[in-house]
Every structure is written in C-alpha cells, then in structure tokens.
mmCIF file of all heavy atoms, coordinates in Angstrom:
data_MODEL
# 
_entry.id   MODEL 
# 
loop_
_atom_site.group_PDB 
_atom_site.id 
_atom_site.type_symbol 
_atom_site.label_atom_id 
_atom_site.label_alt_id 
_atom_site.label_comp_id 
_atom_site.label_asym_id 
_atom_site.label_entity_id 
_atom_site.label_seq_id 
_atom_site.pdbx_PDB_ins_code 
_atom_site.Cartn_x 
_atom_site.Cartn_y 
_atom_site.Cartn_z 
_atom_site.occupancy 
_atom_site.B_iso_or_equiv 
_atom_site.pdbx_formal_charge 
_atom_site.auth_seq_id 
_atom_site.auth_comp_id 
_atom_site.auth_asym_id 
_atom_site.auth_atom_id 
_atom_site.pdbx_PDB_model_num 
ATOM 1   N N   . LEU A 1 1  ? 76.591 -73.168 91.685  1.00 0.00 ? 1  LEU A N   1 
ATOM 2   C CA  . LEU A 1 1  ? 75.971 -74.436 92.045  1.00 0.00 ? 1  LEU A CA  1 
ATOM 3   C C   . LEU A 1 1  ? 75.098 -74.275 93.278  1.00 0.00 ? 1  LEU A C   1 
ATOM 4   O O   . LEU A 1 1  ? 75.434 -73.526 94.207  1.00 0.00 ? 1  LEU A O   1 
ATOM 5   C CB  . LEU A 1 1  ? 77.048 -75.495 92.315  1.00 0.00 ? 1  LEU A CB  1 
ATOM 6   C CG  . LEU A 1 1  ? 77.982 -75.821 91.147  1.00 0.00 ? 1  LEU A CG  1 
ATOM 7   C CD1 . LEU A 1 1  ? 79.053 -76.809 91.588  1.00 0.00 ? 1  LEU A CD1 1 
ATOM 8   C CD2 . LEU A 1 1  ? 77.202 -76.373 89.959  1.00 0.00 ? 1  LEU A CD2 1 
ATOM 9   N N   . ALA A 1 2  ? 73.987 -74.986 93.323  1.00 0.00 ? 2  ALA A N   1 
ATOM 10  C CA  . ALA A 1 2  ? 73.078 -74.915 94.467  1.00 0.00 ? 2  ALA A CA  1 
ATOM 11  C C   . ALA A 1 2  ? 73.757 -75.480 95.713  1.00 0.00 ? 2  ALA A C   1 
ATOM 12  O O   . ALA A 1 2  ? 74.395 -76.534 95.662  1.00 0.00 ? 2  ALA A O   1 
ATOM 13  C CB  . ALA A 1 2  ? 71.800 -75.706 94.166  1.00 0.00 ? 2  ALA A CB  1 
ATOM 14  N N   . GLY A 1 3  ? 73.608 -74.753 96.817  1.00 0.00 ? 3  GLY A N   1 
ATOM 15  C CA  . GLY A 1 3  ? 74.144 -75.229 98.096  1.00 0.00 ? 3  GLY A CA  1 
ATOM 16  C C   . GLY A 1 3  ? 75.587 -74.882 98.353  1.00 0.00 ? 3  GLY A C   1 
ATOM 17  O O   . GLY A 1 3  ? 76.129 -75.258 99.398  1.00 0.00 ? 3  GLY A O   1 
ATOM 18  N N   . LEU A 1 4  ? 76.248 -74.194 97.414  1.00 0.00 ? 4  LEU A N   1 
ATOM 19  C CA  . LEU A 1 4  ? 77.643 -73.815 97.602  1.00 0.00 ? 4  LEU A CA  1 
ATOM 20  C C   . LEU A 1 4  ? 77.760 -72.304 97.781  1.00 0.00 ? 4  LEU A C   1 
ATOM 21  O O   . LEU A 1 4  ? 77.012 -71.534 97.163  1.00 0.00 ? 4  LEU A O   1 
ATOM 22  C CB  . LEU A 1 4  ? 78.507 -74.251 96.412  1.00 0.00 ? 4  LEU A CB  1 
ATOM 23  C CG  . LEU A 1 4  ? 79.133 -75.646 96.510  1.00 0.00 ? 4  LEU A CG  1 
ATOM 24  C CD1 . LEU A 1 4  ? 78.077 -76.707 96.264  1.00 0.00 ? 4  LEU A CD1 1 
ATOM 25  C CD2 . LEU A 1 4  ? 80.282 -75.799 95.541  1.00 0.00 ? 4  LEU A CD2 1 
ATOM 26  N N   . ARG A 1 5  ? 78.679 -71.890 98.608  1.00 0.00 ? 5  ARG A N   1 
ATOM 27  C CA  . ARG A 1 5  ? 78.952 -70.476 98.793  1.00 0.00 ? 5  ARG A CA  1 
ATOM 28  C C   . ARG A 1 5  ? 80.424 -70.291 99.149  1.00 0.00 ? 5  ARG A C   1 
ATOM 29  O O   . ARG A 1 5  ? 81.111 -71.239 99.571  1.00 0.00 ? 5  ARG A O   1 
ATOM 30  C CB  . ARG A 1 5  ? 78.086 -69.887 99.909  1.00 0.00 ? 5  ARG A CB  1 
ATOM 31  C CG  . ARG A 1 5  ? 78.333 -70.490 101.272 1.00 0.00 ? 5  ARG A CG  1 
ATOM 32  C CD  . ARG A 1 5  ? 77.587 -69.734 102.366 1.00 0.00 ? 5  ARG A CD  1 
ATOM 33  N NE  . ARG A 1 5  ? 77.700 -70.377 103.663 1.00 0.00 ? 5  ARG A NE  1 
ATOM 34  C CZ  . ARG A 1 5  ? 78.757 -70.261 104.469 1.00 0.00 ? 5  ARG A CZ  1 
ATOM 35  N NH1 . ARG A 1 5  ? 79.789 -69.500 104.099 1.00 0.00 ? 5  ARG A NH1 1 
ATOM 36  N NH2 . ARG A 1 5  ? 78.781 -70.878 105.634 1.00 0.00 ? 5  ARG A NH2 1 
ATOM 37  N N   . ALA A 1 6  ? 80.918 -69.059 99.002  1.00 0.00 ? 6  ALA A N   1 
ATOM 38  C CA  . ALA A 1 6  ? 82.301 -68.749 99.352  1.00 0.00 ? 6  ALA A CA  1 
ATOM 39  C C   . ALA A 1 6  ? 82.471 -68.807 100.865 1.00 0.00 ? 6  ALA A C   1 
ATOM 40  O O   . ALA A 1 6  ? 81.595 -68.390 101.630 1.00 0.00 ? 6  ALA A O   1 
ATOM 41  C CB  . ALA A 1 6  ? 82.680 -67.359 98.840  1.00 0.00 ? 6  ALA A CB  1 
ATOM 42  N N   . ALA A 1 7  ? 83.605 -69.334 101.304 1.00 0.00 ? 7  ALA A N   1 
ATOM 43  C CA  . ALA A 1 7  ? 83.882 -69.459 102.736 1.00 0.00 ? 7  ALA A CA  1 
ATOM 44  C C   . ALA A 1 7  ? 84.218 -68.100 103.339 1.00 0.00 ? 7  ALA A C   1 
ATOM 45  O O   . ALA A 1 7  ? 84.722 -67.203 102.663 1.00 0.00 ? 7  ALA A O   1 
ATOM 46  C CB  . ALA A 1 7  ? 85.031 -70.436 102.963 1.00 0.00 ? 7  ALA A CB  1 
ATOM 47  N N   . THR A 1 8  ? 83.946 -67.973 104.617 1.00 0.00 ? 8  THR A N   1 
ATOM 48  C CA  . THR A 1 8  ? 84.366 -66.791 105.373 1.00 0.00 ? 8  THR A CA  1 
ATOM 49  C C   . THR A 1 8  ? 85.740 -67.067 105.986 1.00 0.00 ? 8  THR A C   1 
ATOM 50  O O   . THR A 1 8  ? 86.182 -68.223 106.050 1.00 0.00 ? 8  THR A O   1 
ATOM 51  C CB  . THR A 1 8  ? 83.356 -66.484 106.490 1.00 0.00 ? 8  THR A CB  1 
ATOM 52  O OG1 . THR A 1 8  ? 83.244 -67.629 107.340 1.00 0.00 ? 8  THR A OG1 1 
ATOM 53  C CG2 . THR A 1 8  ? 81.992 -66.161 105.892 1.00 0.00 ? 8  THR A CG2 1 
ATOM 54  N N   . PRO A 1 9  ? 86.466 -66.026 106.447 1.00 0.00 ? 9  PRO A N   1 
ATOM 55  C CA  . PRO A 1 9  ? 87.793 -66.257 107.037 1.00 0.00 ? 9  PRO A CA  1 
ATOM 56  C C   . PRO A 1 9  ? 87.742 -67.250 108.199 1.00 0.00 ? 9  PRO A C   1 
ATOM 57  O O   . PRO A 1 9  ? 86.919 -67.122 109.108 1.00 0.00 ? 9  PRO A O   1 
ATOM 58  C CB  . PRO A 1 9  ? 88.215 -64.862 107.526 1.00 0.00 ? 9  PRO A CB  1 
ATOM 59  C CG  . PRO A 1 9  ? 87.492 -63.917 106.617 1.00 0.00 ? 9  PRO A CG  1 
ATOM 60  C CD  . PRO A 1 9  ? 86.167 -64.582 106.351 1.00 0.00 ? 9  PRO A CD  1 
ATOM 61  N N   . GLY A 1 10 ? 88.608 -68.257 108.141 1.00 0.00 ? 10 GLY A N   1 
ATOM 62  C CA  . GLY A 1 10 ? 88.713 -69.232 109.214 1.00 0.00 ? 10 GLY A CA  1 
ATOM 63  C C   . GLY A 1 10 ? 87.634 -70.289 109.232 1.00 0.00 ? 10 GLY A C   1 
ATOM 64  O O   . GLY A 1 10 ? 87.590 -71.113 110.155 1.00 0.00 ? 10 GLY A O   1 
ATOM 65  N N   . GLU A 1 11 ? 86.745 -70.324 108.223 1.00 0.00 ? 11 GLU A N   1 
ATOM 66  C CA  . GLU A 1 11 ? 85.606 -71.246 108.282 1.00 0.00 ? 11 GLU A CA  1 
ATOM 67  C C   . GLU A 1 11 ? 86.032 -72.702 108.163 1.00 0.00 ? 11 GLU A C   1 
ATOM 68  O O   . GLU A 1 11 ? 85.448 -73.590 108.806 1.00 0.00 ? 11 GLU A O   1 
ATOM 69  C CB  . GLU A 1 11 ? 84.575 -70.896 107.214 1.00 0.00 ? 11 GLU A CB  1 
ATOM 70  C CG  . GLU A 1 11 ? 83.277 -71.672 107.385 1.00 0.00 ? 11 GLU A CG  1 
ATOM 71  C CD  . GLU A 1 11 ? 82.119 -71.088 106.600 1.00 0.00 ? 11 GLU A CD  1 
ATOM 72  O OE1 . GLU A 1 11 ? 82.336 -70.121 105.842 1.00 0.00 ? 11 GLU A OE1 1 
ATOM 73  O OE2 . GLU A 1 11 ? 80.999 -71.605 106.737 1.00 0.00 ? 11 GLU A OE2 1 
ATOM 74  N N   . PHE A 1 12 ? 87.058 -72.992 107.376 1.00 0.00 ? 12 PHE A N   1 
ATOM 75  C CA  . PHE A 1 12 ? 87.522 -74.376 107.268 1.00 0.00 ? 12 PHE A CA  1 
ATOM 76  C C   . PHE A 1 12 ? 88.052 -74.865 108.620 1.00 0.00 ? 12 PHE A C   1 
ATOM 77  O O   . PHE A 1 12 ? 87.725 -75.964 109.071 1.00 0.00 ? 12 PHE A O   1 
ATOM 78  C CB  . PHE A 1 12 ? 88.611 -74.496 106.204 1.00 0.00 ? 12 PHE A CB  1 
ATOM 79  C CG  . PHE A 1 12 ? 88.098 -74.444 104.792 1.00 0.00 ? 12 PHE A CG  1 
ATOM 80  C CD1 . PHE A 1 12 ? 88.001 -73.246 104.108 1.00 0.00 ? 12 PHE A CD1 1 
ATOM 81  C CD2 . PHE A 1 12 ? 87.702 -75.603 104.148 1.00 0.00 ? 12 PHE A CD2 1 
ATOM 82  C CE1 . PHE A 1 12 ? 87.528 -73.195 102.817 1.00 0.00 ? 12 PHE A CE1 1 
ATOM 83  C CE2 . PHE A 1 12 ? 87.223 -75.577 102.837 1.00 0.00 ? 12 PHE A CE2 1 
ATOM 84  C CZ  . PHE A 1 12 ? 87.135 -74.362 102.172 1.00 0.00 ? 12 PHE A CZ  1 
ATOM 85  N N   . ALA A 1 13 ? 88.866 -74.039 109.264 1.00 0.00 ? 13 ALA A N   1 
ATOM 86  C CA  . ALA A 1 13 ? 89.415 -74.428 110.565 1.00 0.00 ? 13 ALA A CA  1 
ATOM 87  C C   . ALA A 1 13 ? 88.318 -74.517 111.613 1.00 0.00 ? 13 ALA A C   1 
ATOM 88  O O   . ALA A 1 13 ? 88.351 -75.392 112.489 1.00 0.00 ? 13 ALA A O   1 
ATOM 89  C CB  . ALA A 1 13 ? 90.480 -73.418 111.000 1.00 0.00 ? 13 ALA A CB  1 
ATOM 90  N N   . ARG A 1 14 ? 87.338 -73.629 111.535 1.00 0.00 ? 14 ARG A N   1 
ATOM 91  C CA  . ARG A 1 14 ? 86.254 -73.675 112.517 1.00 0.00 ? 14 ARG A CA  1 
ATOM 92  C C   . ARG A 1 14 ? 85.422 -74.945 112.348 1.00 0.00 ? 14 ARG A C   1 
ATOM 93  O O   . ARG A 1 14 ? 84.985 -75.538 113.347 1.00 0.00 ? 14 ARG A O   1 
ATOM 94  C CB  . ARG A 1 14 ? 85.367 -72.442 112.378 1.00 0.00 ? 14 ARG A CB  1 
ATOM 95  C CG  . ARG A 1 14 ? 84.312 -72.355 113.470 1.00 0.00 ? 14 ARG A CG  1 
ATOM 96  C CD  . ARG A 1 14 ? 83.820 -70.957 113.666 1.00 0.00 ? 14 ARG A CD  1 
ATOM 97  N NE  . ARG A 1 14 ? 82.902 -70.866 114.794 1.00 0.00 ? 14 ARG A NE  1 
ATOM 98  C CZ  . ARG A 1 14 ? 82.513 -69.722 115.330 1.00 0.00 ? 14 ARG A CZ  1 
ATOM 99  N NH1 . ARG A 1 14 ? 82.976 -68.582 114.858 1.00 0.00 ? 14 ARG A NH1 1 
ATOM 100 N NH2 . ARG A 1 14 ? 81.679 -69.700 116.348 1.00 0.00 ? 14 ARG A NH2 1 
ATOM 101 N N   . ARG A 1 15 ? 85.216 -75.379 111.122 1.00 0.00 ? 15 ARG A N   1 
ATOM 102 C CA  . ARG A 1 15 ? 84.503 -76.640 110.911 1.00 0.00 ? 15 ARG A CA  1 
ATOM 103 C C   . ARG A 1 15 ? 85.322 -77.818 111.427 1.00 0.00 ? 15 ARG A C   1 
ATOM 104 O O   . ARG A 1 15 ? 84.766 -78.777 111.977 1.00 0.00 ? 15 ARG A O   1 
ATOM 105 C CB  . ARG A 1 15 ? 84.186 -76.805 109.421 1.00 0.00 ? 15 ARG A CB  1 
ATOM 106 C CG  . ARG A 1 15 ? 83.125 -75.834 108.925 1.00 0.00 ? 15 ARG A CG  1 
ATOM 107 C CD  . ARG A 1 15 ? 82.702 -76.097 107.499 1.00 0.00 ? 15 ARG A CD  1 
ATOM 108 N NE  . ARG A 1 15 ? 81.633 -75.195 107.110 1.00 0.00 ? 15 ARG A NE  1 
ATOM 109 C CZ  . ARG A 1 15 ? 80.702 -75.465 106.188 1.00 0.00 ? 15 ARG A CZ  1 
ATOM 110 N NH1 . ARG A 1 15 ? 80.719 -76.634 105.563 1.00 0.00 ? 15 ARG A NH1 1 
ATOM 111 N NH2 . ARG A 1 15 ? 79.763 -74.594 105.903 1.00 0.00 ? 15 ARG A NH2 1 
ATOM 112 N N   . ALA A 1 16 ? 86.639 -77.746 111.247 1.00 0.00 ? 16 ALA A N   1 
ATOM 113 C CA  . ALA A 1 16 ? 87.500 -78.798 111.788 1.00 0.00 ? 16 ALA A CA  1 
ATOM 114 C C   . ALA A 1 16 ? 87.368 -78.861 113.309 1.00 0.00 ? 16 ALA A C   1 
ATOM 115 O O   . ALA A 1 16 ? 87.320 -79.952 113.901 1.00 0.00 ? 16 ALA A O   1 
ATOM 116 C CB  . ALA A 1 16 ? 88.957 -78.547 111.392 1.00 0.00 ? 16 ALA A CB  1 
ATOM 117 N N   . PHE A 1 17 ? 87.296 -77.702 113.956 1.00 0.00 ? 17 PHE A N   1 
ATOM 118 C CA  . PHE A 1 17 ? 87.115 -77.663 115.403 1.00 0.00 ? 17 PHE A CA  1 
ATOM 119 C C   . PHE A 1 17 ? 85.745 -78.215 115.790 1.00 0.00 ? 17 PHE A C   1 
ATOM 120 O O   . PHE A 1 17 ? 85.618 -79.038 116.704 1.00 0.00 ? 17 PHE A O   1 
ATOM 121 C CB  . PHE A 1 17 ? 87.275 -76.229 115.909 1.00 0.00 ? 17 PHE A CB  1 
ATOM 122 C CG  . PHE A 1 17 ? 86.854 -76.035 117.333 1.00 0.00 ? 17 PHE A CG  1 
ATOM 123 C CD1 . PHE A 1 17 ? 87.656 -76.456 118.372 1.00 0.00 ? 17 PHE A CD1 1 
ATOM 124 C CD2 . PHE A 1 17 ? 85.617 -75.446 117.628 1.00 0.00 ? 17 PHE A CD2 1 
ATOM 125 C CE1 . PHE A 1 17 ? 87.250 -76.293 119.695 1.00 0.00 ? 17 PHE A CE1 1 
ATOM 126 C CE2 . PHE A 1 17 ? 85.213 -75.274 118.935 1.00 0.00 ? 17 PHE A CE2 1 
ATOM 127 C CZ  . PHE A 1 17 ? 86.028 -75.705 119.973 1.00 0.00 ? 17 PHE A CZ  1 
ATOM 128 N N   . ALA A 1 18 ? 84.692 -77.776 115.094 1.00 0.00 ? 18 ALA A N   1 
ATOM 129 C CA  . ALA A 1 18 ? 83.329 -78.213 115.417 1.00 0.00 ? 18 ALA A CA  1 
ATOM 130 C C   . ALA A 1 18 ? 83.168 -79.716 115.247 1.00 0.00 ? 18 ALA A C   1 
ATOM 131 O O   . ALA A 1 18 ? 82.398 -80.354 115.980 1.00 0.00 ? 18 ALA A O   1 
ATOM 132 C CB  . ALA A 1 18 ? 82.325 -77.468 114.538 1.00 0.00 ? 18 ALA A CB  1 
ATOM 133 N N   . ASN A 1 19 ? 83.909 -80.293 114.318 1.00 0.00 ? 19 ASN A N   1 
ATOM 134 C CA  . ASN A 1 19 ? 83.810 -81.729 114.049 1.00 0.00 ? 19 ASN A CA  1 
ATOM 135 C C   . ASN A 1 19 ? 84.848 -82.551 114.805 1.00 0.00 ? 19 ASN A C   1 
ATOM 136 O O   . ASN A 1 19 ? 85.020 -83.742 114.526 1.00 0.00 ? 19 ASN A O   1 
ATOM 137 C CB  . ASN A 1 19 ? 83.946 -81.989 112.540 1.00 0.00 ? 19 ASN A CB  1 
ATOM 138 C CG  . ASN A 1 19 ? 82.769 -81.431 111.758 1.00 0.00 ? 19 ASN A CG  1 
ATOM 139 O OD1 . ASN A 1 19 ? 81.623 -81.498 112.217 1.00 0.00 ? 19 ASN A OD1 1 
ATOM 140 N ND2 . ASN A 1 19 ? 83.026 -80.858 110.594 1.00 0.00 ? 19 ASN A ND2 1 
ATOM 141 N N   . GLY A 1 20 ? 85.538 -81.912 115.739 1.00 0.00 ? 20 GLY A N   1 
ATOM 142 C CA  . GLY A 1 20 ? 86.451 -82.646 116.598 1.00 0.00 ? 20 GLY A CA  1 
ATOM 143 C C   . GLY A 1 20 ? 87.772 -83.020 115.968 1.00 0.00 ? 20 GLY A C   1 
ATOM 144 O O   . GLY A 1 20 ? 88.509 -83.850 116.517 1.00 0.00 ? 20 GLY A O   1 
ATOM 145 N N   . ARG A 1 21 ? 88.111 -82.411 114.830 1.00 0.00 ? 21 ARG A N   1 
ATOM 146 C CA  . ARG A 1 21 ? 89.390 -82.740 114.188 1.00 0.00 ? 21 ARG A CA  1 
ATOM 147 C C   . ARG A 1 21 ? 90.559 -82.015 114.848 1.00 0.00 ? 21 ARG A C   1 
ATOM 148 O O   . ARG A 1 21 ? 91.689 -82.483 114.807 1.00 0.00 ? 21 ARG A O   1 
ATOM 149 C CB  . ARG A 1 21 ? 89.341 -82.391 112.695 1.00 0.00 ? 21 ARG A CB  1 
ATOM 150 C CG  . ARG A 1 21 ? 88.244 -83.099 111.924 1.00 0.00 ? 21 ARG A CG  1 
ATOM 151 C CD  . ARG A 1 21 ? 88.405 -84.598 111.973 1.00 0.00 ? 21 ARG A CD  1 
ATOM 152 N NE  . ARG A 1 21 ? 89.609 -85.018 111.252 1.00 0.00 ? 21 ARG A NE  1 
ATOM 153 C CZ  . ARG A 1 21 ? 90.064 -86.271 111.236 1.00 0.00 ? 21 ARG A CZ  1 
ATOM 154 N NH1 . ARG A 1 21 ? 89.437 -87.209 111.933 1.00 0.00 ? 21 ARG A NH1 1 
ATOM 155 N NH2 . ARG A 1 21 ? 91.148 -86.567 110.554 1.00 0.00 ? 21 ARG A NH2 1 
ATOM 156 N N   . ILE A 1 22 ? 90.306 -80.855 115.415 1.00 0.00 ? 22 ILE A N   1 
ATOM 157 C CA  . ILE A 1 22 ? 91.321 -80.100 116.138 1.00 0.00 ? 22 ILE A CA  1 
ATOM 158 C C   . ILE A 1 22 ? 90.668 -79.491 117.376 1.00 0.00 ? 22 ILE A C   1 
ATOM 159 O O   . ILE A 1 22 ? 89.432 -79.376 117.437 1.00 0.00 ? 22 ILE A O   1 
ATOM 160 C CB  . ILE A 1 22 ? 91.948 -78.965 115.291 1.00 0.00 ? 22 ILE A CB  1 
ATOM 161 C CG1 . ILE A 1 22 ? 90.872 -77.989 114.802 1.00 0.00 ? 22 ILE A CG1 1 
ATOM 162 C CG2 . ILE A 1 22 ? 92.743 -79.530 114.122 1.00 0.00 ? 22 ILE A CG2 1 
ATOM 163 C CD1 . ILE A 1 22 ? 91.418 -76.776 114.074 1.00 0.00 ? 22 ILE A CD1 1 
ATOM 164 N N   . ASP A 1 23 ? 91.488 -79.118 118.371 1.00 0.00 ? 23 ASP A N   1 
ATOM 165 C CA  . ASP A 1 23 ? 90.970 -78.380 119.514 1.00 0.00 ? 23 ASP A CA  1 
ATOM 166 C C   . ASP A 1 23 ? 91.468 -76.942 119.438 1.00 0.00 ? 23 ASP A C   1 
ATOM 167 O O   . ASP A 1 23 ? 92.122 -76.548 118.463 1.00 0.00 ? 23 ASP A O   1 
ATOM 168 C CB  . ASP A 1 23 ? 91.349 -79.059 120.836 1.00 0.00 ? 23 ASP A CB  1 
ATOM 169 C CG  . ASP A 1 23 ? 92.861 -79.118 121.063 1.00 0.00 ? 23 ASP A CG  1 
ATOM 170 O OD1 . ASP A 1 23 ? 93.593 -78.315 120.452 1.00 0.00 ? 23 ASP A OD1 1 
ATOM 171 O OD2 . ASP A 1 23 ? 93.307 -79.970 121.849 1.00 0.00 ? 23 ASP A OD2 1 
ATOM 172 N N   . LEU A 1 24 ? 91.175 -76.149 120.461 1.00 0.00 ? 24 LEU A N   1 
ATOM 173 C CA  . LEU A 1 24 ? 91.518 -74.731 120.403 1.00 0.00 ? 24 LEU A CA  1 
ATOM 174 C C   . LEU A 1 24 ? 93.024 -74.504 120.384 1.00 0.00 ? 24 LEU A C   1 
ATOM 175 O O   . LEU A 1 24 ? 93.514 -73.564 119.754 1.00 0.00 ? 24 LEU A O   1 
ATOM 176 C CB  . LEU A 1 24 ? 90.906 -73.991 121.593 1.00 0.00 ? 24 LEU A CB  1 
ATOM 177 C CG  . LEU A 1 24 ? 89.402 -73.716 121.518 1.00 0.00 ? 24 LEU A CG  1 
ATOM 178 C CD1 . LEU A 1 24 ? 88.962 -72.875 122.703 1.00 0.00 ? 24 LEU A CD1 1 
ATOM 179 C CD2 . LEU A 1 24 ? 89.033 -73.011 120.216 1.00 0.00 ? 24 LEU A CD2 1 
# 
C-alpha cells in the first residue's frame, strides 16, 4: 500500500514519546 512501510525497532514507542504519550 502507498505510504506504508515496515517499522524499525522501537519506532512505535518513539512515536509515542514524540507525541507526548510517554516520557523517557
């Protein structure tokens, strides 16, 4: 599908951090 790609290690958690859902 256009615009989709496989995630890299830790990418879901890093997006959660970038979006303020979790801190370090």
